[in-house]
PDB file of all heavy atoms in Angstrom:
ATOM      1  N   LEU A   1     112.718  88.219  87.178  1.00  0.00           N
ATOM      2  CA  LEU A   1     113.172  87.312  88.224  1.00  0.00           C
ATOM      3  C   LEU A   1     112.502  87.681  89.538  1.00  0.00           C
ATOM      4  O   LEU A   1     112.408  88.857  89.886  1.00  0.00           O
ATOM      5  CB  LEU A   1     114.696  87.408  88.402  1.00  0.00           C
ATOM      6  CG  LEU A   1     115.569  87.164  87.171  1.00  0.00           C
ATOM      7  CD1 LEU A   1     117.021  87.498  87.480  1.00  0.00           C
ATOM      8  CD2 LEU A   1     115.453  85.720  86.701  1.00  0.00           C
ATOM      9  N   ILE A   2     112.046  86.670  90.265  1.00  0.00           N
ATOM     10  CA  ILE A   2     111.517  86.845  91.614  1.00  0.00           C
ATOM     11  C   ILE A   2     112.387  86.028  92.551  1.00  0.00           C
ATOM     12  O   ILE A   2     112.491  84.803  92.393  1.00  0.00           O
ATOM     13  CB  ILE A   2     110.049  86.378  91.733  1.00  0.00           C
ATOM     14  CG1 ILE A   2     109.167  87.058  90.673  1.00  0.00           C
ATOM     15  CG2 ILE A   2     109.518  86.648  93.145  1.00  0.00           C
ATOM     16  CD1 ILE A   2     108.971  88.531  90.836  1.00  0.00           C
ATOM     17  N   ASP A   3     113.014  86.708  93.494  1.00  0.00           N
ATOM     18  CA  ASP A   3     113.941  86.031  94.406  1.00  0.00           C
ATOM     19  C   ASP A   3     115.020  85.261  93.652  1.00  0.00           C
ATOM     20  O   ASP A   3     115.392  84.133  94.000  1.00  0.00           O
ATOM     21  CB  ASP A   3     113.185  85.076  95.345  1.00  0.00           C
ATOM     22  CG  ASP A   3     113.292  85.517  96.799  1.00  0.00           C
ATOM     23  OD1 ASP A   3     114.051  86.467  97.087  1.00  0.00           O
ATOM     24  OD2 ASP A   3     112.628  84.904  97.654  1.00  0.00           O
ATOM     25  N   GLY A   4     115.490  85.826  92.547  1.00  0.00           N
ATOM     26  CA  GLY A   4     116.563  85.226  91.774  1.00  0.00           C
ATOM     27  C   GLY A   4     116.138  84.150  90.793  1.00  0.00           C
ATOM     28  O   GLY A   4     116.961  83.639  90.039  1.00  0.00           O
ATOM     29  N   GLN A   5     114.819  83.809  90.789  1.00  0.00           N
ATOM     30  CA  GLN A   5     114.323  82.749  89.907  1.00  0.00           C
ATOM     31  C   GLN A   5     113.462  83.347  88.791  1.00  0.00           C
ATOM     32  O   GLN A   5     112.655  84.238  89.046  1.00  0.00           O
ATOM     33  CB  GLN A   5     113.475  81.748  90.702  1.00  0.00           C
ATOM     34  CG  GLN A   5     114.230  81.036  91.807  1.00  0.00           C
ATOM     35  CD  GLN A   5     115.400  80.219  91.293  1.00  0.00           C
ATOM     36  OE1 GLN A   5     115.263  79.469  90.327  1.00  0.00           O
ATOM     37  NE2 GLN A   5     116.559  80.372  91.928  1.00  0.00           N
ATOM     38  N   PRO A   6     113.613  82.848  87.553  1.00  0.00           N
ATOM     39  CA  PRO A   6     112.781  83.353  86.462  1.00  0.00           C
ATOM     40  C   PRO A   6     111.295  83.139  86.752  1.00  0.00           C
ATOM     41  O   PRO A   6     110.906  82.131  87.353  1.00  0.00           O
ATOM     42  CB  PRO A   6     113.218  82.512  85.255  1.00  0.00           C
ATOM     43  CG  PRO A   6     114.569  81.994  85.609  1.00  0.00           C
ATOM     44  CD  PRO A   6     114.574  81.822  87.097  1.00  0.00           C
ATOM     45  N   LEU A   7     110.495  84.083  86.320  1.00  0.00           N
ATOM     46  CA  LEU A   7     109.047  83.997  86.498  1.00  0.00           C
ATOM     47  C   LEU A   7     108.518  82.773  85.750  1.00  0.00           C
ATOM     48  O   LEU A   7     108.732  82.644  84.544  1.00  0.00           O
ATOM     49  CB  LEU A   7     108.415  85.266  85.937  1.00  0.00           C
ATOM     50  CG  LEU A   7     106.963  85.575  86.241  1.00  0.00           C
ATOM     51  CD1 LEU A   7     106.757  85.789  87.737  1.00  0.00           C
ATOM     52  CD2 LEU A   7     106.511  86.818  85.488  1.00  0.00           C
ATOM     53  N   PRO A   8     107.842  81.839  86.452  1.00  0.00           N
ATOM     54  CA  PRO A   8     107.319  80.654  85.759  1.00  0.00           C
ATOM     55  C   PRO A   8     106.273  81.050  84.720  1.00  0.00           C
ATOM     56  O   PRO A   8     105.567  82.053  84.879  1.00  0.00           O
ATOM     57  CB  PRO A   8     106.680  79.832  86.884  1.00  0.00           C
ATOM     58  CG  PRO A   8     107.234  80.378  88.150  1.00  0.00           C
ATOM     59  CD  PRO A   8     107.529  81.817  87.888  1.00  0.00           C
ATOM     60  N   GLU A   9     106.164  80.244  83.677  1.00  0.00           N
ATOM     61  CA  GLU A   9     105.241  80.591  82.598  1.00  0.00           C
ATOM     62  C   GLU A   9     103.819  80.109  82.873  1.00  0.00           C
ATOM     63  O   GLU A   9     102.857  80.761  82.468  1.00  0.00           O
ATOM     64  CB  GLU A   9     105.750  80.030  81.269  1.00  0.00           C
ATOM     65  CG  GLU A   9     107.000  80.757  80.788  1.00  0.00           C
ATOM     66  CD  GLU A   9     107.316  80.451  79.345  1.00  0.00           C
ATOM     67  OE1 GLU A   9     106.530  79.734  78.693  1.00  0.00           O
ATOM     68  OE2 GLU A   9     108.356  80.928  78.874  1.00  0.00           O
ATOM     69  N   GLU A  10     103.679  78.975  83.523  1.00  0.00           N
ATOM     70  CA  GLU A  10     102.330  78.437  83.726  1.00  0.00           C
ATOM     71  C   GLU A  10     102.370  77.316  84.759  1.00  0.00           C
ATOM     72  O   GLU A  10     103.425  76.980  85.306  1.00  0.00           O
ATOM     73  CB  GLU A  10     101.754  77.910  82.400  1.00  0.00           C
ATOM     74  CG  GLU A  10     102.626  76.876  81.737  1.00  0.00           C
ATOM     75  CD  GLU A  10     102.181  76.562  80.306  1.00  0.00           C
ATOM     76  OE1 GLU A  10     101.455  77.352  79.695  1.00  0.00           O
ATOM     77  OE2 GLU A  10     102.578  75.494  79.831  1.00  0.00           O
ATOM     78  N   GLY A  11     101.189  76.747  85.014  1.00  0.00           N
ATOM     79  CA  GLY A  11     101.089  75.564  85.862  1.00  0.00           C
ATOM     80  C   GLY A  11     101.318  75.833  87.337  1.00  0.00           C
ATOM     81  O   GLY A  11     101.192  76.959  87.812  1.00  0.00           O
ATOM     82  N   ARG A  12     101.667  74.773  88.044  1.00  0.00           N
ATOM     83  CA  ARG A  12     101.819  74.863  89.499  1.00  0.00           C
ATOM     84  C   ARG A  12     102.910  75.828  89.948  1.00  0.00           C
ATOM     85  O   ARG A  12     102.730  76.534  90.940  1.00  0.00           O
ATOM     86  CB  ARG A  12     102.077  73.469  90.077  1.00  0.00           C
ATOM     87  CG  ARG A  12     100.832  72.600  90.089  1.00  0.00           C
ATOM     88  CD  ARG A  12     101.076  71.287  90.802  1.00  0.00           C
ATOM     89  NE  ARG A  12      99.876  70.479  90.829  1.00  0.00           N
ATOM     90  CZ  ARG A  12      99.823  69.260  91.349  1.00  0.00           C
ATOM     91  NH1 ARG A  12     100.919  68.725  91.878  1.00  0.00           N
ATOM     92  NH2 ARG A  12      98.695  68.579  91.348  1.00  0.00           N
ATOM     93  N   PRO A  13     104.064  75.866  89.238  1.00  0.00           N
ATOM     94  CA  PRO A  13     105.086  76.835  89.668  1.00  0.00           C
ATOM     95  C   PRO A  13     104.568  78.270  89.653  1.00  0.00           C
ATOM     96  O   PRO A  13     104.863  79.051  90.554  1.00  0.00           O
ATOM     97  CB  PRO A  13     106.213  76.629  88.651  1.00  0.00           C
ATOM     98  CG  PRO A  13     106.051  75.218  88.187  1.00  0.00           C
ATOM     99  CD  PRO A  13     104.566  74.994  88.153  1.00  0.00           C
ATOM    100  N   LEU A  14     103.770  78.612  88.631  1.00  0.00           N
ATOM    101  CA  LEU A  14     103.202  79.960  88.567  1.00  0.00           C
ATOM    102  C   LEU A  14     102.185  80.163  89.684  1.00  0.00           C
ATOM    103  O   LEU A  14     102.154  81.226  90.326  1.00  0.00           O
ATOM    104  CB  LEU A  14     102.549  80.200  87.201  1.00  0.00           C
ATOM    105  CG  LEU A  14     101.926  81.586  87.010  1.00  0.00           C
ATOM    106  CD1 LEU A  14     102.973  82.685  87.138  1.00  0.00           C
ATOM    107  CD2 LEU A  14     101.223  81.670  85.647  1.00  0.00           C
ATOM    108  N   ALA A  15     101.367  79.165  89.954  1.00  0.00           N
ATOM    109  CA  ALA A  15     100.387  79.263  91.037  1.00  0.00           C
ATOM    110  C   ALA A  15     101.083  79.462  92.382  1.00  0.00           C
ATOM    111  O   ALA A  15     100.634  80.262  93.218  1.00  0.00           O
ATOM    112  CB  ALA A  15      99.511  78.010  91.069  1.00  0.00           C
ATOM    113  N   ARG A  16     102.203  78.740  92.595  1.00  0.00           N
ATOM    114  CA  ARG A  16     102.957  78.890  93.848  1.00  0.00           C
ATOM    115  C   ARG A  16     103.520  80.300  93.972  1.00  0.00           C
ATOM    116  O   ARG A  16     103.494  80.910  95.032  1.00  0.00           O
ATOM    117  CB  ARG A  16     104.082  77.855  93.920  1.00  0.00           C
ATOM    118  CG  ARG A  16     103.618  76.470  94.353  1.00  0.00           C
ATOM    119  CD  ARG A  16     104.787  75.614  94.808  1.00  0.00           C
ATOM    120  NE  ARG A  16     105.726  75.338  93.728  1.00  0.00           N
ATOM    121  CZ  ARG A  16     105.612  74.310  92.886  1.00  0.00           C
ATOM    122  NH1 ARG A  16     104.604  73.451  93.016  1.00  0.00           N
ATOM    123  NH2 ARG A  16     106.509  74.125  91.931  1.00  0.00           N
ATOM    124  N   LEU A  17     104.043  80.809  92.849  1.00  0.00           N
ATOM    125  CA  LEU A  17     104.594  82.159  92.873  1.00  0.00           C
ATOM    126  C   LEU A  17     103.500  83.186  93.185  1.00  0.00           C
ATOM    127  O   LEU A  17     103.695  84.094  93.999  1.00  0.00           O
ATOM    128  CB  LEU A  17     105.242  82.494  91.533  1.00  0.00           C
ATOM    129  CG  LEU A  17     105.753  83.927  91.507  1.00  0.00           C
ATOM    130  CD1 LEU A  17     107.228  83.960  91.849  1.00  0.00           C
ATOM    131  CD2 LEU A  17     105.499  84.600  90.195  1.00  0.00           C
ATOM    132  N   ARG A  18     102.354  83.037  92.535  1.00  0.00           N
ATOM    133  CA  ARG A  18     101.257  83.998  92.768  1.00  0.00           C
ATOM    134  C   ARG A  18     100.787  83.970  94.212  1.00  0.00           C
ATOM    135  O   ARG A  18     100.331  84.979  94.742  1.00  0.00           O
ATOM    136  CB  ARG A  18     100.101  83.706  91.808  1.00  0.00           C
ATOM    137  CG  ARG A  18     100.379  84.190  90.397  1.00  0.00           C
ATOM    138  CD  ARG A  18      99.213  83.928  89.494  1.00  0.00           C
ATOM    139  NE  ARG A  18      99.412  84.534  88.175  1.00  0.00           N
ATOM    140  CZ  ARG A  18      98.829  84.106  87.078  1.00  0.00           C
ATOM    141  NH1 ARG A  18      98.008  83.051  87.125  1.00  0.00           N
ATOM    142  NH2 ARG A  18      99.048  84.708  85.923  1.00  0.00           N
ATOM    143  N   ALA A  19     100.900  82.815  94.855  1.00  0.00           N
ATOM    144  CA  ALA A  19     100.536  82.731  96.268  1.00  0.00           C
ATOM    145  C   ALA A  19     101.467  83.570  97.134  1.00  0.00           C
ATOM    146  O   ALA A  19     101.091  83.995  98.229  1.00  0.00           O
ATOM    147  CB  ALA A  19     100.561  81.269  96.729  1.00  0.00           C
ATOM    148  N   ASP A  20     102.680  83.824  96.640  1.00  0.00           N
ATOM    149  CA  ASP A  20     103.663  84.607  97.384  1.00  0.00           C
ATOM    150  C   ASP A  20     103.631  86.091  97.039  1.00  0.00           C
ATOM    151  O   ASP A  20     104.404  86.873  97.580  1.00  0.00           O
ATOM    152  CB  ASP A  20     105.084  84.081  97.114  1.00  0.00           C
ATOM    153  CG  ASP A  20     105.350  82.762  97.832  1.00  0.00           C
ATOM    154  OD1 ASP A  20     104.680  82.512  98.852  1.00  0.00           O
ATOM    155  OD2 ASP A  20     106.222  81.999  97.366  1.00  0.00           O
ATOM    156  N   ILE A  21     102.767  86.468  96.088  1.00  0.00           N
ATOM    157  CA  ILE A  21     102.678  87.869  95.673  1.00  0.00           C
ATOM    158  C   ILE A  21     101.239  88.334  95.899  1.00  0.00           C
ATOM    159  O   ILE A  21     100.322  87.900  95.204  1.00  0.00           O
ATOM    160  CB  ILE A  21     103.076  88.048  94.197  1.00  0.00           C
ATOM    161  CG1 ILE A  21     104.518  87.584  93.973  1.00  0.00           C
ATOM    162  CG2 ILE A  21     102.916  89.505  93.769  1.00  0.00           C
ATOM    163  CD1 ILE A  21     104.977  87.672  92.526  1.00  0.00           C
ATOM    164  N   GLY A  22     101.054  89.219  96.873  1.00  0.00           N
ATOM    165  CA  GLY A  22      99.725  89.779  97.112  1.00  0.00           C
ATOM    166  C   GLY A  22      99.455  90.904  96.140  1.00  0.00           C
ATOM    167  O   GLY A  22     100.354  91.686  95.818  1.00  0.00           O
ATOM    168  N   MET A  23      98.226  90.987  95.642  1.00  0.00           N
ATOM    169  CA  MET A  23      97.904  92.067  94.705  1.00  0.00           C
ATOM    170  C   MET A  23      96.592  92.724  95.100  1.00  0.00           C
ATOM    171  O   MET A  23      95.605  92.046  95.383  1.00  0.00           O
ATOM    172  CB  MET A  23      97.826  91.553  93.269  1.00  0.00           C
ATOM    173  CG  MET A  23      97.612  92.670  92.266  1.00  0.00           C
ATOM    174  SD  MET A  23      98.438  92.356  90.693  1.00  0.00           S
ATOM    175  CE  MET A  23      98.209  93.945  89.883  1.00  0.00           C
ATOM    176  N   VAL A  24      96.609  94.043  95.107  1.00  0.00           N
ATOM    177  CA  VAL A  24      95.422  94.838  95.418  1.00  0.00           C
ATOM    178  C   VAL A  24      95.128  95.710  94.208  1.00  0.00           C
ATOM    179  O   VAL A  24      95.999  96.458  93.748  1.00  0.00           O
ATOM    180  CB  VAL A  24      95.650  95.698  96.681  1.00  0.00           C
ATOM    181  CG1 VAL A  24      94.418  96.546  96.971  1.00  0.00           C
ATOM    182  CG2 VAL A  24      95.976  94.808  97.877  1.00  0.00           C
ATOM    183  N   PHE A  25      93.904  95.585  93.684  1.00  0.00           N
ATOM    184  CA  PHE A  25      93.533  96.225  92.428  1.00  0.00           C
ATOM    185  C   PHE A  25      92.727  97.507  92.678  1.00  0.00           C
ATOM    186  O   PHE A  25      92.312  97.788  93.797  1.00  0.00           O
ATOM    187  CB  PHE A  25      92.663  95.273  91.597  1.00  0.00           C
ATOM    188  CG  PHE A  25      93.332  93.974  91.241  1.00  0.00           C
ATOM    189  CD1 PHE A  25      93.267  92.884  92.097  1.00  0.00           C
ATOM    190  CD2 PHE A  25      94.018  93.824  90.039  1.00  0.00           C
ATOM    191  CE1 PHE A  25      93.863  91.675  91.768  1.00  0.00           C
ATOM    192  CE2 PHE A  25      94.616  92.629  89.701  1.00  0.00           C
ATOM    193  CZ  PHE A  25      94.542  91.555  90.565  1.00  0.00           C
ATOM    194  N   GLN A  26      92.461  98.233  91.581  1.00  0.00           N
ATOM    195  CA  GLN A  26      91.573  99.403  91.679  1.00  0.00           C
ATOM    196  C   GLN A  26      90.186  98.972  92.143  1.00  0.00           C
ATOM    197  O   GLN A  26      89.607  99.580  93.041  1.00  0.00           O
ATOM    198  CB  GLN A  26      91.440 100.078  90.303  1.00  0.00           C
ATOM    199  CG  GLN A  26      92.716 100.634  89.736  1.00  0.00           C
ATOM    200  CD  GLN A  26      92.491 101.194  88.340  1.00  0.00           C
ATOM    201  OE1 GLN A  26      91.459 101.791  88.062  1.00  0.00           O
ATOM    202  NE2 GLN A  26      93.460 101.006  87.455  1.00  0.00           N
ATOM    203  N   SER A  27      89.642  97.950  91.483  1.00  0.00           N
ATOM    204  CA  SER A  27      88.355  97.382  91.906  1.00  0.00           C
ATOM    205  C   SER A  27      88.681  96.290  92.909  1.00  0.00           C
ATOM    206  O   SER A  27      89.663  95.579  92.750  1.00  0.00           O
ATOM    207  CB  SER A  27      87.607  96.804  90.708  1.00  0.00           C
ATOM    208  OG  SER A  27      88.443  95.932  89.996  1.00  0.00           O
ATOM    209  N   PHE A  28      87.877  96.149  93.912  1.00  0.00           N
ATOM    210  CA  PHE A  28      88.299  95.420  95.110  1.00  0.00           C
ATOM    211  C   PHE A  28      88.355  93.913  94.903  1.00  0.00           C
ATOM    212  O   PHE A  28      89.064  93.201  95.588  1.00  0.00           O
ATOM    213  CB  PHE A  28      87.365  95.789  96.271  1.00  0.00           C
ATOM    214  CG  PHE A  28      86.988  97.254  96.246  1.00  0.00           C
ATOM    215  CD1 PHE A  28      85.669  97.650  96.110  1.00  0.00           C
ATOM    216  CD2 PHE A  28      87.974  98.231  96.313  1.00  0.00           C
ATOM    217  CE1 PHE A  28      85.332  98.993  96.050  1.00  0.00           C
ATOM    218  CE2 PHE A  28      87.653  99.582  96.255  1.00  0.00           C
ATOM    219  CZ  PHE A  28      86.324  99.960  96.122  1.00  0.00           C
ATOM    220  N   ASN A  29      87.563  93.413  93.923  1.00  0.00           N
ATOM    221  CA  ASN A  29      87.628  91.989  93.540  1.00  0.00           C
ATOM    222  C   ASN A  29      87.330  91.036  94.700  1.00  0.00           C
ATOM    223  O   ASN A  29      87.864  89.932  94.743  1.00  0.00           O
ATOM    224  CB  ASN A  29      88.994  91.645  92.928  1.00  0.00           C
ATOM    225  CG  ASN A  29      89.185  92.254  91.554  1.00  0.00           C
ATOM    226  OD1 ASN A  29      88.405  93.098  91.140  1.00  0.00           O
ATOM    227  ND2 ASN A  29      90.218  91.840  90.852  1.00  0.00           N
ATOM    228  N   LEU A  30      86.503  91.469  95.639  1.00  0.00           N
ATOM    229  CA  LEU A  30      86.066  90.560  96.701  1.00  0.00           C
ATOM    230  C   LEU A  30      84.942  89.679  96.168  1.00  0.00           C
ATOM    231  O   LEU A  30      84.187  90.081  95.281  1.00  0.00           O
ATOM    232  CB  LEU A  30      85.571  91.367  97.914  1.00  0.00           C
ATOM    233  CG  LEU A  30      86.619  92.256  98.588  1.00  0.00           C
ATOM    234  CD1 LEU A  30      85.932  93.217  99.562  1.00  0.00           C
ATOM    235  CD2 LEU A  30      87.658  91.426  99.316  1.00  0.00           C
ATOM    236  N   PHE A  31      84.823  88.480  96.723  1.00  0.00           N
ATOM    237  CA  PHE A  31      83.709  87.609  96.336  1.00  0.00           C
ATOM    238  C   PHE A  31      82.433  88.134  96.985  1.00  0.00           C
ATOM    239  O   PHE A  31      82.330  88.151  98.218  1.00  0.00           O
ATOM    240  CB  PHE A  31      83.974  86.166  96.766  1.00  0.00           C
ATOM    241  CG  PHE A  31      85.091  85.512  96.002  1.00  0.00           C
ATOM    242  CD1 PHE A  31      86.318  85.245  96.608  1.00  0.00           C
ATOM    243  CD2 PHE A  31      84.919  85.164  94.666  1.00  0.00           C
ATOM    244  CE1 PHE A  31      87.350  84.639  95.901  1.00  0.00           C
ATOM    245  CE2 PHE A  31      85.949  84.557  93.958  1.00  0.00           C
ATOM    246  CZ  PHE A  31      87.163  84.297  94.572  1.00  0.00           C
ATOM    247  N   PRO A  32      81.444  88.557  96.183  1.00  0.00           N
ATOM    248  CA  PRO A  32      80.270  89.222  96.757  1.00  0.00           C
ATOM    249  C   PRO A  32      79.396  88.311  97.612  1.00  0.00           C
ATOM    250  O   PRO A  32      78.683  88.778  98.504  1.00  0.00           O
ATOM    251  CB  PRO A  32      79.504  89.715  95.522  1.00  0.00           C
ATOM    252  CG  PRO A  32      79.971  88.850  94.393  1.00  0.00           C
ATOM    253  CD  PRO A  32      81.394  88.508  94.702  1.00  0.00           C
ATOM    254  N   HIS A  33      79.452  86.988  97.356  1.00  0.00           N
ATOM    255  CA  HIS A  33      78.575  86.056  98.059  1.00  0.00           C
ATOM    256  C   HIS A  33      79.213  85.526  99.349  1.00  0.00           C
ATOM    257  O   HIS A  33      78.614  84.702 100.039  1.00  0.00           O
ATOM    258  CB  HIS A  33      78.218  84.881  97.144  1.00  0.00           C
ATOM    259  CG  HIS A  33      79.410  84.091  96.695  1.00  0.00           C
ATOM    260  ND1 HIS A  33      80.329  84.595  95.797  1.00  0.00           N
ATOM    261  CD2 HIS A  33      79.856  82.851  97.023  1.00  0.00           C
ATOM    262  CE1 HIS A  33      81.275  83.690  95.600  1.00  0.00           C
ATOM    263  NE2 HIS A  33      81.010  82.620  96.332  1.00  0.00           N
ATOM    264  N   LYS A  34      80.421  85.999  99.659  1.00  0.00           N
ATOM    265  CA  LYS A  34      81.097  85.571 100.889  1.00  0.00           C
ATOM    266  C   LYS A  34      81.255  86.760 101.827  1.00  0.00           C
ATOM    267  O   LYS A  34      81.448  87.895 101.372  1.00  0.00           O
ATOM    268  CB  LYS A  34      82.482  84.974 100.575  1.00  0.00           C
ATOM    269  CG  LYS A  34      82.426  83.649  99.835  1.00  0.00           C
ATOM    270  CD  LYS A  34      83.806  83.062  99.675  1.00  0.00           C
ATOM    271  CE  LYS A  34      83.747  81.682  99.016  1.00  0.00           C
ATOM    272  NZ  LYS A  34      83.096  80.681  99.892  1.00  0.00           N
ATOM    273  N   THR A  35      81.203  86.481 103.124  1.00  0.00           N
ATOM    274  CA  THR A  35      81.420  87.549 104.091  1.00  0.00           C
ATOM    275  C   THR A  35      82.866  88.030 104.025  1.00  0.00           C
ATOM    276  O   THR A  35      83.724  87.379 103.421  1.00  0.00           O
ATOM    277  CB  THR A  35      81.123  87.079 105.524  1.00  0.00           C
ATOM    278  OG1 THR A  35      82.055  86.026 105.856  1.00  0.00           O
ATOM    279  CG2 THR A  35      79.696  86.594 105.675  1.00  0.00           C
ATOM    280  N   VAL A  36      83.125  89.154 104.669  1.00  0.00           N
ATOM    281  CA  VAL A  36      84.474  89.712 104.669  1.00  0.00           C
ATOM    282  C   VAL A  36      85.471  88.705 105.233  1.00  0.00           C
ATOM    283  O   VAL A  36      86.521  88.446 104.636  1.00  0.00           O
ATOM    284  CB  VAL A  36      84.499  91.032 105.479  1.00  0.00           C
ATOM    285  CG1 VAL A  36      85.928  91.473 105.768  1.00  0.00           C
ATOM    286  CG2 VAL A  36      83.757  92.118 104.717  1.00  0.00           C
ATOM    287  N   ILE A  37      85.151  88.105 106.376  1.00  0.00           N
ATOM    288  CA  ILE A  37      86.115  87.179 106.976  1.00  0.00           C
ATOM    289  C   ILE A  37      86.296  85.934 106.119  1.00  0.00           C
ATOM    290  O   ILE A  37      87.408  85.410 106.006  1.00  0.00           O
ATOM    291  CB  ILE A  37      85.742  86.823 108.441  1.00  0.00           C
ATOM    292  CG1 ILE A  37      86.966  86.229 109.139  1.00  0.00           C
ATOM    293  CG2 ILE A  37      84.520  85.901 108.509  1.00  0.00           C
ATOM    294  CD1 ILE A  37      86.865  86.185 110.650  1.00  0.00           C
ATOM    295  N   ASP A  38      85.238  85.486 105.457  1.00  0.00           N
ATOM    296  CA  ASP A  38      85.377  84.333 104.560  1.00  0.00           C
ATOM    297  C   ASP A  38      86.250  84.670 103.356  1.00  0.00           C
ATOM    298  O   ASP A  38      87.013  83.820 102.866  1.00  0.00           O
ATOM    299  CB  ASP A  38      84.003  83.841 104.101  1.00  0.00           C
ATOM    300  CG  ASP A  38      83.267  83.077 105.190  1.00  0.00           C
ATOM    301  OD1 ASP A  38      83.922  82.623 106.149  1.00  0.00           O
ATOM    302  OD2 ASP A  38      82.025  82.947 105.090  1.00  0.00           O
ATOM    303  N   ASN A  39      86.134  85.897 102.844  1.00  0.00           N
ATOM    304  CA  ASN A  39      87.017  86.343 101.765  1.00  0.00           C
ATOM    305  C   ASN A  39      88.476  86.272 102.190  1.00  0.00           C
ATOM    306  O   ASN A  39      89.339  85.827 101.431  1.00  0.00           O
ATOM    307  CB  ASN A  39      86.672  87.785 101.360  1.00  0.00           C
ATOM    308  CG  ASN A  39      85.709  87.878 100.195  1.00  0.00           C
ATOM    309  OD1 ASN A  39      86.094  87.748  99.044  1.00  0.00           O
ATOM    310  ND2 ASN A  39      84.444  88.095 100.511  1.00  0.00           N
ATOM    311  N   VAL A  40      88.756  86.700 103.414  1.00  0.00           N
ATOM    312  CA  VAL A  40      90.137  86.740 103.902  1.00  0.00           C
ATOM    313  C   VAL A  40      90.658  85.330 104.192  1.00  0.00           C
ATOM    314  O   VAL A  40      91.833  85.036 103.987  1.00  0.00           O
ATOM    315  CB  VAL A  40      90.237  87.644 105.154  1.00  0.00           C
ATOM    316  CG1 VAL A  40      91.656  87.653 105.718  1.00  0.00           C
ATOM    317  CG2 VAL A  40      89.817  89.069 104.803  1.00  0.00           C
ATOM    318  N   MET A  41      89.777  84.436 104.642  1.00  0.00           N
ATOM    319  CA  MET A  41      90.185  83.074 104.989  1.00  0.00           C
ATOM    320  C   MET A  41      90.404  82.170 103.779  1.00  0.00           C
ATOM    321  O   MET A  41      91.151  81.190 103.853  1.00  0.00           O
ATOM    322  CB  MET A  41      89.104  82.422 105.873  1.00  0.00           C
ATOM    323  CG  MET A  41      88.992  82.978 107.266  1.00  0.00           C
ATOM    324  SD  MET A  41      87.530  82.324 108.128  1.00  0.00           S
ATOM    325  CE  MET A  41      87.817  80.540 108.063  1.00  0.00           C
ATOM    326  N   LEU A  42      89.771  82.493 102.674  1.00  0.00           N
ATOM    327  CA  LEU A  42      89.690  81.563 101.542  1.00  0.00           C
ATOM    328  C   LEU A  42      91.062  81.116 101.032  1.00  0.00           C
ATOM    329  O   LEU A  42      91.335  79.917 100.901  1.00  0.00           O
ATOM    330  CB  LEU A  42      88.892  82.208 100.407  1.00  0.00           C
ATOM    331  CG  LEU A  42      88.567  81.294  99.221  1.00  0.00           C
ATOM    332  CD1 LEU A  42      87.662  80.150  99.659  1.00  0.00           C
ATOM    333  CD2 LEU A  42      87.905  82.092  98.105  1.00  0.00           C
TER     334      LEU A  42
END
């Protein structure tokens, strides 16, 4: 549960939830062809 709601399985509800959860990985996963500020703005 996230904020009292079950984790959506797929589709737009899952995309909306992922937008509310920031994730930082071991590998930085930045877009190599974009500048730092463009990565942050995207």
